[in-house]
């Protein structure tokens, strides 16, 4: 069992995944700082100098000015400001992930001429544009652009020699 675990742990996928988790944790802290320290203060100013994380509904009979004061007294609260803050975090992380994946996919794409196809003029099989010989019928394809349609559809002649 120990050998199986070693084999599992040393696979490239597990190591890649662990590096992804570490980078994701660091990225989460950066996004947290971005939302908390940069985005929420101006949003609070636009909402009339309100600290979003301090928005709450008090469910107790006593009145509290801040969420910290209510929590210090053990009052039951609905912390909708922190919920809104979490929604902002999620939206920013989702957008940043989308942009990152989109850029990675753009870098990973092959050049268009390497993946575009043409049709073999002899057997009409789809083949890569840069192919010089058809993998299906093994015909040489260089200089075949000017072959007319009638020769493309003609049945190939097979000669059998008796020896």
Protein backbone atom coordinates (compact mmCIF):
# COMPACT_ATOMS: atom_id res chain seq x y z
CA UNK A 1 0.00 0.00 0.00
CA UNK A 2 2.89 2.36 0.74
CA UNK A 3 4.38 1.68 -2.69
CA UNK A 4 1.04 2.41 -4.35
CA UNK A 5 0.76 5.69 -2.45
CA UNK A 6 4.31 6.66 -3.48
CA UNK A 7 3.49 5.92 -7.11
CA UNK A 8 0.29 7.95 -6.86
CA UNK A 9 1.95 10.89 -5.12
CA UNK A 10 4.84 11.08 -7.57
CA UNK A 11 2.65 11.22 -10.67
CA UNK A 12 2.83 14.51 -12.52
CA UNK A 13 -0.90 15.19 -12.09
CA UNK A 14 -0.75 15.13 -8.29
CA UNK A 15 2.25 17.44 -8.20
CA UNK A 16 0.62 19.80 -10.71
CA UNK A 17 -2.56 19.80 -8.65
CA UNK A 18 -0.71 20.60 -5.42
CA UNK A 19 1.12 23.48 -7.10
CA UNK A 20 -2.25 24.70 -8.39
CA UNK A 21 -3.69 24.63 -4.87
CA UNK A 22 -0.74 26.62 -3.50
CA UNK A 23 -0.97 29.21 -6.28
CA UNK A 24 -4.77 29.31 -5.89
CA UNK A 25 -4.43 30.04 -2.18
CA UNK A 26 -2.02 32.90 -2.85
CA UNK A 27 -4.29 34.18 -5.64
CA UNK A 28 -7.24 34.07 -3.21
CA UNK A 29 -5.36 36.30 -0.77
CA UNK A 30 -4.57 38.78 -3.54
CA UNK A 31 -8.22 38.87 -4.62
CA UNK A 32 -9.31 39.23 -0.99
CA UNK A 33 -7.06 42.25 -0.61
CA UNK A 34 -8.26 43.66 -3.94
CA UNK A 35 -11.90 43.44 -2.90
CA UNK A 36 -11.48 44.44 0.76
CA UNK A 37 -8.85 47.16 0.44
CA UNK A 38 -9.39 48.62 -3.02
CA UNK A 39 -12.91 47.96 -4.33
CA UNK A 40 -15.11 48.02 -1.24
CA UNK A 41 -14.03 51.43 0.18
CA UNK A 42 -15.08 53.39 -2.96
CA UNK A 43 -18.28 51.35 -3.17
CA UNK A 44 -18.97 52.20 0.46
CA UNK A 45 -18.39 55.90 -0.26
CA UNK A 46 -20.84 55.72 -3.18
CA UNK A 47 -23.39 54.14 -0.86
CA UNK A 48 -23.07 56.98 1.65
CA UNK A 49 -19.95 56.12 3.66
CA UNK A 50 -21.16 52.63 4.51
CA UNK A 51 -18.73 49.85 5.41
CA UNK A 52 -20.17 46.90 3.46
CA UNK A 53 -18.83 44.29 5.87
CA UNK A 54 -20.60 46.11 8.72
CA UNK A 55 -24.07 45.70 7.22
CA UNK A 56 -26.19 43.34 9.30
CA UNK A 57 -29.71 42.67 10.54
CA UNK A 58 -29.95 42.46 14.31
CA UNK A 59 -32.23 39.64 15.47
CA UNK A 60 -31.98 40.46 19.17
CA UNK A 61 -33.96 42.98 21.21
CA UNK A 62 -30.96 45.22 21.92
CA UNK A 63 -29.52 47.77 19.52
CA UNK A 64 -25.91 47.66 18.28
CA UNK A 65 -24.11 50.18 16.12
CA UNK A 66 -21.58 47.81 14.58
CA UNK A 67 -21.38 44.14 13.76
CA UNK A 68 -18.33 43.77 16.01
CA UNK A 69 -20.31 45.19 18.93
CA UNK A 70 -23.21 42.80 18.27
CA UNK A 71 -20.85 39.82 18.00
CA UNK A 72 -19.09 40.86 21.23
CA UNK A 73 -22.44 40.67 23.06
CA UNK A 74 -23.32 37.36 21.38
CA UNK A 75 -26.31 38.80 19.55
CA UNK A 76 -27.88 36.85 16.70
CA UNK A 77 -27.33 38.68 13.41
CA UNK A 78 -27.77 38.16 9.70
CA UNK A 79 -24.52 39.43 8.17
CA UNK A 80 -25.68 40.35 4.67
CA UNK A 81 -22.77 42.78 4.20
CA UNK A 82 -20.27 39.95 4.51
CA UNK A 83 -22.45 37.90 2.15
CA UNK A 84 -22.30 40.72 -0.44
CA UNK A 85 -18.56 40.89 0.11
CA UNK A 86 -18.31 37.14 -0.62
CA UNK A 87 -20.34 37.61 -3.81
CA UNK A 88 -17.87 40.29 -4.97
CA UNK A 89 -14.98 37.96 -4.18
CA UNK A 90 -16.58 35.15 -6.17
CA UNK A 91 -17.33 37.38 -9.14
CA UNK A 92 -13.78 38.72 -9.28
CA UNK A 93 -12.19 35.29 -8.89
CA UNK A 94 -14.51 33.87 -11.57
CA UNK A 95 -13.70 36.71 -13.98
CA UNK A 96 -9.95 36.45 -13.33
CA UNK A 97 -10.08 32.67 -13.85
CA UNK A 98 -12.03 33.14 -17.10
CA UNK A 99 -9.50 35.67 -18.42
CA UNK A 100 -6.56 33.45 -17.42
CA UNK A 101 -8.00 30.34 -19.07
CA UNK A 102 -8.93 32.32 -22.18
CA UNK A 103 -5.34 33.58 -22.50
CA UNK A 104 -3.91 30.09 -21.91
CA UNK A 105 -6.16 28.68 -24.63
CA UNK A 106 -5.07 31.45 -26.99
CA UNK A 107 -1.41 30.59 -26.38
CA UNK A 108 -2.07 26.87 -26.76
CA UNK A 109 -3.78 27.12 -30.18
CA UNK A 110 -1.91 25.77 -33.18
CA UNK A 111 -1.36 28.02 -36.18
CA UNK A 112 -4.40 27.92 -38.45
CA UNK A 113 -2.54 26.44 -41.41
CA UNK A 114 -1.34 23.54 -39.27
CA UNK A 115 -4.86 22.47 -38.35
CA UNK A 116 -6.81 23.46 -41.46
CA UNK A 117 -7.76 20.70 -43.86
CA UNK A 118 -7.91 20.17 -47.58
CA UNK A 119 -9.41 17.39 -49.59
CA UNK A 120 -7.32 14.79 -51.42
CA UNK A 121 -8.14 15.18 -55.13
CA UNK A 122 -7.95 11.41 -55.66
CA UNK A 123 -9.91 9.87 -52.76
CA UNK A 124 -11.56 13.04 -51.27
CA UNK A 125 -10.29 12.26 -47.76
CA UNK A 126 -9.76 15.30 -45.50
CA UNK A 127 -6.05 15.78 -44.89
CA UNK A 128 -3.91 18.51 -43.28
CA UNK A 129 -3.09 21.48 -45.51
CA UNK A 130 0.63 20.89 -45.29
CA UNK A 131 0.42 17.19 -46.28
CA UNK A 132 2.38 16.19 -49.39
CA UNK A 133 1.05 12.63 -49.54
CA UNK A 134 -2.46 11.36 -48.76
CA UNK A 135 -2.44 8.95 -45.78
CA UNK A 136 -5.49 7.15 -47.17
CA UNK A 137 -4.60 6.49 -50.84
CA UNK A 138 -0.87 7.41 -50.63
CA UNK A 139 -1.12 9.72 -53.66
CA UNK A 140 1.53 12.41 -54.01
CA UNK A 141 -0.25 15.75 -53.53
CA UNK A 142 2.23 18.38 -54.66
CA UNK A 143 1.04 20.38 -57.66
CA UNK A 144 -2.44 18.79 -57.73
CA UNK A 145 -4.43 22.01 -57.37
CA UNK A 146 -5.18 22.08 -61.10
CA UNK A 147 -6.63 18.54 -61.37
CA UNK A 148 -10.16 18.74 -62.72
CA UNK A 149 -13.25 17.23 -61.09
CA UNK A 150 -13.63 14.41 -63.68
CA UNK A 151 -10.25 12.89 -62.85
CA UNK A 152 -11.03 13.13 -59.14
CA UNK A 153 -14.15 11.01 -59.55
CA UNK A 154 -12.61 8.53 -62.00
CA UNK A 155 -12.23 4.96 -60.78
CA UNK A 156 -8.56 4.05 -60.37
CA UNK A 157 -7.25 1.38 -62.75
CA UNK A 158 -5.76 -1.64 -61.05
CA UNK A 159 -3.47 -3.91 -63.04
CA UNK A 160 -2.68 -7.39 -61.79
CA UNK A 161 0.38 -9.04 -63.29
CA UNK A 162 0.55 -12.80 -63.35
CA UNK A 163 3.99 -13.99 -62.63
